[in-house]
Amino acid sequence: MENSENTKRPPIREKVRSFYEILSSLDDPFIDLLLRWEDIVGADNVRKMIPLRIEEKTLVVAVPNNMVLSIAARCKNRLLEAINESKVTQHVENIKFLLDIKLFANNIKNEKTWRK
């Protein structure tokens, strides 16, 4: 039988870095945007708009349907202001909305089963 002294786990580090802290330290404008996305679009919209990438100073955001696309397009200037106010990145000058139902299929399915 093994000695219990030899089988002890090593001590846990005093400070464990969170996933958020690790991502924050990467200094990537898109990751910064992802980390602050809920603050930018609001809690109600965070599941309706998914940031996909930044290409040529344009943020590409996926939306689930035409209704959200229409509302998001009308609010584009406010979203750009929110991005600039949050000082997330200097790399976004425009937003392009992309209708992509597949990205939201799980959310819609889960919401329907939740309602039952």
N, C-alpha and C. Protein backbone atom coordinates (compact mmCIF):
# COMPACT_ATOMS: atom_id res chain seq x y z
N MET A 1 0.82 -1.18 0.00
CA MET A 1 0.00 0.00 0.00
C MET A 1 0.87 1.25 0.00
N GLU A 2 0.46 2.25 -0.78
CA GLU A 2 1.27 3.46 -0.89
C GLU A 2 1.13 4.33 0.35
N ASN A 3 2.16 5.06 0.58
CA ASN A 3 2.17 5.99 1.69
C ASN A 3 1.32 7.20 1.33
N SER A 4 0.43 7.63 2.22
CA SER A 4 -0.46 8.76 1.93
C SER A 4 0.32 10.06 1.75
N GLU A 5 1.50 10.14 2.34
CA GLU A 5 2.34 11.33 2.18
C GLU A 5 2.79 11.49 0.73
N ASN A 6 3.06 10.39 0.05
CA ASN A 6 3.55 10.44 -1.33
C ASN A 6 2.44 10.65 -2.36
N THR A 7 1.19 10.38 -1.98
CA THR A 7 0.09 10.48 -2.94
C THR A 7 -0.70 11.78 -2.83
N LYS A 8 -0.25 12.69 -2.00
CA LYS A 8 -0.96 13.97 -1.86
C LYS A 8 -0.85 14.76 -3.15
N ARG A 9 -1.91 15.48 -3.43
CA ARG A 9 -1.91 16.35 -4.60
C ARG A 9 -0.99 17.54 -4.36
N PRO A 10 -0.41 18.05 -5.41
CA PRO A 10 0.41 19.25 -5.23
C PRO A 10 -0.49 20.41 -4.81
N PRO A 11 0.06 21.36 -4.07
CA PRO A 11 -0.77 22.48 -3.60
C PRO A 11 -1.33 23.29 -4.77
N ILE A 12 -2.55 23.77 -4.60
CA ILE A 12 -3.18 24.60 -5.63
C ILE A 12 -2.51 25.96 -5.61
N ARG A 13 -2.30 26.49 -6.81
CA ARG A 13 -1.68 27.82 -6.89
C ARG A 13 -2.54 28.82 -6.15
N GLU A 14 -1.86 29.82 -5.59
CA GLU A 14 -2.59 30.85 -4.85
C GLU A 14 -3.56 31.59 -5.75
N LYS A 15 -3.13 31.89 -6.95
CA LYS A 15 -4.00 32.63 -7.86
C LYS A 15 -4.08 31.89 -9.19
N VAL A 16 -5.27 31.47 -9.54
CA VAL A 16 -5.50 30.81 -10.81
C VAL A 16 -6.07 31.85 -11.78
N ARG A 17 -5.48 31.97 -12.95
CA ARG A 17 -5.96 32.94 -13.93
C ARG A 17 -7.24 32.44 -14.57
N SER A 18 -8.20 33.32 -14.67
CA SER A 18 -9.46 32.94 -15.31
C SER A 18 -9.30 32.98 -16.82
N PHE A 19 -10.21 32.32 -17.50
CA PHE A 19 -10.22 32.32 -18.95
C PHE A 19 -10.35 33.75 -19.47
N TYR A 20 -11.16 34.54 -18.81
CA TYR A 20 -11.34 35.96 -19.17
C TYR A 20 -10.01 36.72 -19.09
N GLU A 21 -9.26 36.49 -18.01
CA GLU A 21 -7.97 37.16 -17.85
C GLU A 21 -6.98 36.75 -18.93
N ILE A 22 -6.99 35.49 -19.29
CA ILE A 22 -6.09 35.00 -20.33
C ILE A 22 -6.43 35.63 -21.67
N LEU A 23 -7.73 35.64 -22.02
CA LEU A 23 -8.14 36.25 -23.29
C LEU A 23 -7.87 37.75 -23.31
N SER A 24 -8.09 38.42 -22.19
CA SER A 24 -7.86 39.86 -22.11
C SER A 24 -6.40 40.22 -22.36
N SER A 25 -5.52 39.34 -21.97
CA SER A 25 -4.10 39.63 -22.10
C SER A 25 -3.56 39.43 -23.52
N LEU A 26 -4.38 38.90 -24.42
CA LEU A 26 -3.90 38.60 -25.78
C LEU A 26 -3.75 39.85 -26.66
N ASP A 27 -4.38 40.93 -26.28
CA ASP A 27 -4.27 42.19 -27.02
C ASP A 27 -4.70 42.03 -28.48
N ASP A 28 -5.84 41.39 -28.67
CA ASP A 28 -6.43 41.21 -29.99
C ASP A 28 -7.73 42.01 -30.02
N PRO A 29 -7.89 42.93 -30.99
CA PRO A 29 -9.08 43.78 -31.01
C PRO A 29 -10.39 42.99 -31.11
N PHE A 30 -10.39 41.89 -31.85
CA PHE A 30 -11.62 41.11 -31.98
C PHE A 30 -11.97 40.41 -30.66
N ILE A 31 -10.98 39.89 -29.97
CA ILE A 31 -11.23 39.25 -28.68
C ILE A 31 -11.72 40.28 -27.67
N ASP A 32 -11.13 41.47 -27.69
CA ASP A 32 -11.61 42.54 -26.81
C ASP A 32 -13.08 42.85 -27.09
N LEU A 33 -13.43 42.88 -28.36
CA LEU A 33 -14.81 43.13 -28.75
C LEU A 33 -15.73 42.02 -28.24
N LEU A 34 -15.31 40.77 -28.39
CA LEU A 34 -16.10 39.64 -27.91
C LEU A 34 -16.32 39.70 -26.40
N LEU A 35 -15.28 40.06 -25.67
CA LEU A 35 -15.38 40.11 -24.22
C LEU A 35 -16.33 41.19 -23.73
N ARG A 36 -16.50 42.24 -24.54
CA ARG A 36 -17.37 43.36 -24.15
C ARG A 36 -18.66 43.41 -24.95
N TRP A 37 -18.93 42.38 -25.74
CA TRP A 37 -20.07 42.39 -26.65
C TRP A 37 -21.40 42.62 -25.94
N GLU A 38 -21.61 41.98 -24.81
CA GLU A 38 -22.88 42.16 -24.09
C GLU A 38 -23.05 43.60 -23.63
N ASP A 39 -21.98 44.24 -23.19
CA ASP A 39 -22.05 45.65 -22.80
C ASP A 39 -22.37 46.54 -23.99
N ILE A 40 -21.89 46.16 -25.16
CA ILE A 40 -22.08 46.97 -26.36
C ILE A 40 -23.51 46.85 -26.89
N VAL A 41 -24.02 45.63 -27.04
CA VAL A 41 -25.34 45.43 -27.65
C VAL A 41 -26.46 45.29 -26.64
N GLY A 42 -26.14 45.04 -25.39
CA GLY A 42 -27.16 44.85 -24.36
C GLY A 42 -27.50 43.39 -24.17
N ALA A 43 -27.98 43.08 -22.98
CA ALA A 43 -28.28 41.69 -22.62
C ALA A 43 -29.37 41.09 -23.49
N ASP A 44 -30.33 41.90 -23.91
CA ASP A 44 -31.43 41.39 -24.75
C ASP A 44 -30.98 40.99 -26.14
N ASN A 45 -29.94 41.64 -26.64
CA ASN A 45 -29.50 41.42 -28.03
C ASN A 45 -28.31 40.50 -28.18
N VAL A 46 -27.70 40.12 -27.08
CA VAL A 46 -26.46 39.34 -27.17
C VAL A 46 -26.69 37.98 -27.83
N ARG A 47 -27.88 37.41 -27.72
CA ARG A 47 -28.16 36.12 -28.37
C ARG A 47 -28.70 36.29 -29.78
N LYS A 48 -28.98 37.52 -30.17
CA LYS A 48 -29.54 37.79 -31.50
C LYS A 48 -28.51 38.32 -32.48
N MET A 49 -27.34 38.67 -31.99
CA MET A 49 -26.27 39.20 -32.84
C MET A 49 -24.95 38.58 -32.42
N ILE A 50 -24.31 37.88 -33.36
CA ILE A 50 -23.05 37.21 -33.06
C ILE A 50 -21.94 37.85 -33.90
N PRO A 51 -20.96 38.48 -33.25
CA PRO A 51 -19.84 39.02 -34.01
C PRO A 51 -18.99 37.88 -34.57
N LEU A 52 -18.69 37.95 -35.86
CA LEU A 52 -17.96 36.86 -36.51
C LEU A 52 -16.49 37.19 -36.76
N ARG A 53 -16.24 38.41 -37.23
CA ARG A 53 -14.86 38.79 -37.55
C ARG A 53 -14.80 40.27 -37.84
N ILE A 54 -13.58 40.79 -37.88
CA ILE A 54 -13.32 42.15 -38.34
C ILE A 54 -12.48 42.02 -39.60
N GLU A 55 -13.01 42.55 -40.70
CA GLU A 55 -12.26 42.51 -41.95
C GLU A 55 -12.29 43.89 -42.60
N GLU A 56 -11.12 44.41 -42.86
CA GLU A 56 -10.97 45.73 -43.48
C GLU A 56 -11.78 46.79 -42.75
N LYS A 57 -11.62 46.87 -41.42
CA LYS A 57 -12.27 47.84 -40.54
C LYS A 57 -13.79 47.72 -40.53
N THR A 58 -14.30 46.57 -40.96
CA THR A 58 -15.74 46.30 -40.92
C THR A 58 -16.00 45.11 -40.02
N LEU A 59 -16.87 45.30 -39.05
CA LEU A 59 -17.27 44.22 -38.16
C LEU A 59 -18.40 43.45 -38.83
N VAL A 60 -18.23 42.15 -38.98
CA VAL A 60 -19.26 41.30 -39.57
C VAL A 60 -20.02 40.63 -38.43
N VAL A 61 -21.34 40.85 -38.41
CA VAL A 61 -22.20 40.36 -37.34
C VAL A 61 -23.30 39.49 -37.93
N ALA A 62 -23.45 38.28 -37.40
CA ALA A 62 -24.51 37.37 -37.85
C ALA A 62 -25.79 37.67 -37.09
N VAL A 63 -26.92 37.60 -37.81
CA VAL A 63 -28.24 37.77 -37.21
C VAL A 63 -29.13 36.62 -37.67
N PRO A 64 -30.18 36.25 -36.88
CA PRO A 64 -30.94 35.04 -37.17
C PRO A 64 -32.07 35.19 -38.19
N ASN A 65 -32.59 36.41 -38.38
CA ASN A 65 -33.73 36.55 -39.28
C ASN A 65 -33.83 37.97 -39.82
N ASN A 66 -34.75 38.18 -40.75
CA ASN A 66 -34.89 39.48 -41.40
C ASN A 66 -35.35 40.57 -40.44
N MET A 67 -36.16 40.21 -39.45
CA MET A 67 -36.63 41.22 -38.50
C MET A 67 -35.45 41.79 -37.71
N VAL A 68 -34.61 40.91 -37.18
CA VAL A 68 -33.43 41.37 -36.43
C VAL A 68 -32.49 42.13 -37.36
N LEU A 69 -32.34 41.65 -38.59
CA LEU A 69 -31.49 42.33 -39.57
C LEU A 69 -31.96 43.76 -39.79
N SER A 70 -33.26 43.94 -39.95
CA SER A 70 -33.82 45.27 -40.18
C SER A 70 -33.59 46.20 -38.98
N ILE A 71 -33.85 45.69 -37.80
CA ILE A 71 -33.67 46.50 -36.59
C ILE A 71 -32.19 46.82 -36.38
N ALA A 72 -31.34 45.83 -36.57
CA ALA A 72 -29.90 46.04 -36.39
C ALA A 72 -29.36 47.06 -37.38
N ALA A 73 -29.82 46.99 -38.62
CA ALA A 73 -29.37 47.95 -39.63
C ALA A 73 -29.75 49.37 -39.25
N ARG A 74 -30.95 49.53 -38.68
CA ARG A 74 -31.37 50.88 -38.25
C ARG A 74 -30.56 51.36 -37.05
N CYS A 75 -30.06 50.44 -36.25
CA CYS A 75 -29.31 50.80 -35.04
C CYS A 75 -27.80 50.78 -35.26
N LYS A 76 -27.37 50.64 -36.49
CA LYS A 76 -25.94 50.48 -36.80
C LYS A 76 -25.10 51.63 -36.24
N ASN A 77 -25.56 52.86 -36.41
CA ASN A 77 -24.78 54.00 -35.91
C ASN A 77 -24.65 53.99 -34.40
N ARG A 78 -25.73 53.59 -33.71
CA ARG A 78 -25.66 53.50 -32.25
C ARG A 78 -24.69 52.41 -31.81
N LEU A 79 -24.66 51.30 -32.55
CA LEU A 79 -23.71 50.22 -32.23
C LEU A 79 -22.28 50.69 -32.44
N LEU A 80 -22.04 51.40 -33.53
CA LEU A 80 -20.69 51.93 -33.78
C LEU A 80 -20.28 52.89 -32.66
N GLU A 81 -21.21 53.74 -32.23
CA GLU A 81 -20.92 54.66 -31.12
C GLU A 81 -20.59 53.88 -29.84
N ALA A 82 -21.36 52.84 -29.58
CA ALA A 82 -21.12 52.03 -28.37
C ALA A 82 -19.75 51.35 -28.44
N ILE A 83 -19.37 50.89 -29.62
CA ILE A 83 -18.05 50.27 -29.78
C ILE A 83 -16.96 51.31 -29.53
N ASN A 84 -17.13 52.49 -30.10
CA ASN A 84 -16.13 53.55 -29.91
C ASN A 84 -16.08 54.03 -28.46
N GLU A 85 -17.24 54.15 -27.81
CA GLU A 85 -17.28 54.58 -26.41
C GLU A 85 -16.62 53.58 -25.48
N SER A 86 -16.75 52.29 -25.82
CA SER A 86 -16.15 51.27 -24.96
C SER A 86 -14.65 51.17 -25.17
N LYS A 87 -14.15 51.89 -26.16
CA LYS A 87 -12.72 51.92 -26.46
C LYS A 87 -12.15 50.52 -26.64
N VAL A 88 -12.97 49.65 -27.21
CA VAL A 88 -12.56 48.27 -27.45
C VAL A 88 -11.49 48.23 -28.52
N THR A 89 -11.77 48.88 -29.62
CA THR A 89 -10.86 48.80 -30.74
C THR A 89 -10.97 50.02 -31.63
N GLN A 90 -9.91 50.35 -32.27
CA GLN A 90 -9.89 51.43 -33.25
C GLN A 90 -10.11 50.87 -34.65
N HIS A 91 -10.33 49.58 -34.75
CA HIS A 91 -10.35 48.90 -36.03
C HIS A 91 -11.72 48.77 -36.67
N VAL A 92 -12.77 49.31 -36.05
CA VAL A 92 -14.12 49.17 -36.59
C VAL A 92 -14.65 50.52 -37.03
N GLU A 93 -14.92 50.65 -38.32
CA GLU A 93 -15.51 51.87 -38.85
C GLU A 93 -16.88 51.61 -39.46
N ASN A 94 -17.22 50.33 -39.66
CA ASN A 94 -18.48 49.97 -40.28
C ASN A 94 -18.94 48.63 -39.72
N ILE A 95 -20.23 48.35 -39.86
CA ILE A 95 -20.77 47.05 -39.45
C ILE A 95 -21.56 46.48 -40.62
N LYS A 96 -21.31 45.22 -40.91
CA LYS A 96 -22.04 44.50 -41.96
C LYS A 96 -22.81 43.38 -41.27
N PHE A 97 -24.11 43.33 -41.52
CA PHE A 97 -24.95 42.30 -40.92
C PHE A 97 -25.17 41.18 -41.93
N LEU A 98 -25.01 39.96 -41.44
CA LEU A 98 -25.09 38.78 -42.28
C LEU A 98 -26.20 37.87 -41.74
N LEU A 99 -27.17 37.57 -42.58
CA LEU A 99 -28.25 36.67 -42.20
C LEU A 99 -27.73 35.24 -42.25
N ASP A 100 -27.68 34.59 -41.09
CA ASP A 100 -27.16 33.22 -41.01
C ASP A 100 -27.99 32.42 -40.01
N ILE A 101 -29.03 31.80 -40.51
CA ILE A 101 -29.97 31.07 -39.66
C ILE A 101 -29.30 29.89 -38.96
N LYS A 102 -28.35 29.24 -39.62
CA LYS A 102 -27.72 28.04 -39.06
C LYS A 102 -27.01 28.31 -37.73
N LEU A 103 -26.42 29.48 -37.58
CA LEU A 103 -25.72 29.79 -36.34
C LEU A 103 -26.67 29.88 -35.15
N PHE A 104 -27.93 30.15 -35.43
CA PHE A 104 -28.91 30.36 -34.37
C PHE A 104 -29.86 29.18 -34.21
N ALA A 105 -29.70 28.14 -34.99
CA ALA A 105 -30.63 27.01 -34.98
C ALA A 105 -30.75 26.39 -33.59
N ASN A 106 -29.65 26.23 -32.88
CA ASN A 106 -29.69 25.66 -31.54
C ASN A 106 -30.44 26.55 -30.57
N ASN A 107 -30.20 27.87 -30.64
CA ASN A 107 -30.88 28.80 -29.75
C ASN A 107 -32.39 28.76 -29.96
N ILE A 108 -32.81 28.73 -31.21
CA ILE A 108 -34.24 28.72 -31.52
C ILE A 108 -34.86 27.41 -31.02
N LYS A 109 -34.18 26.30 -31.26
CA LYS A 109 -34.67 25.00 -30.83
C LYS A 109 -34.78 24.96 -29.30
N ASN A 110 -33.77 25.47 -28.60
CA ASN A 110 -33.78 25.48 -27.14
C ASN A 110 -34.89 26.37 -26.60
N GLU A 111 -35.13 27.53 -27.23
CA GLU A 111 -36.18 28.41 -26.78
C GLU A 111 -37.54 27.76 -26.95
N LYS A 112 -37.75 27.03 -28.05
CA LYS A 112 -39.04 26.38 -28.27
C LYS A 112 -39.28 25.29 -27.24
N THR A 113 -38.25 24.51 -26.92
CA THR A 113 -38.45 23.45 -25.94
C THR A 113 -38.61 24.04 -24.55
N TRP A 114 -37.98 25.16 -24.29
CA TRP A 114 -38.09 25.82 -22.98
C TRP A 114 -39.53 26.31 -22.76
N ARG A 115 -40.16 26.79 -23.82
CA ARG A 115 -41.51 27.32 -23.71
C ARG A 115 -42.55 26.23 -23.42
N LYS A 116 -42.30 24.99 -23.81
CA LYS A 116 -43.29 23.92 -23.64
C LYS A 116 -43.54 23.56 -22.22
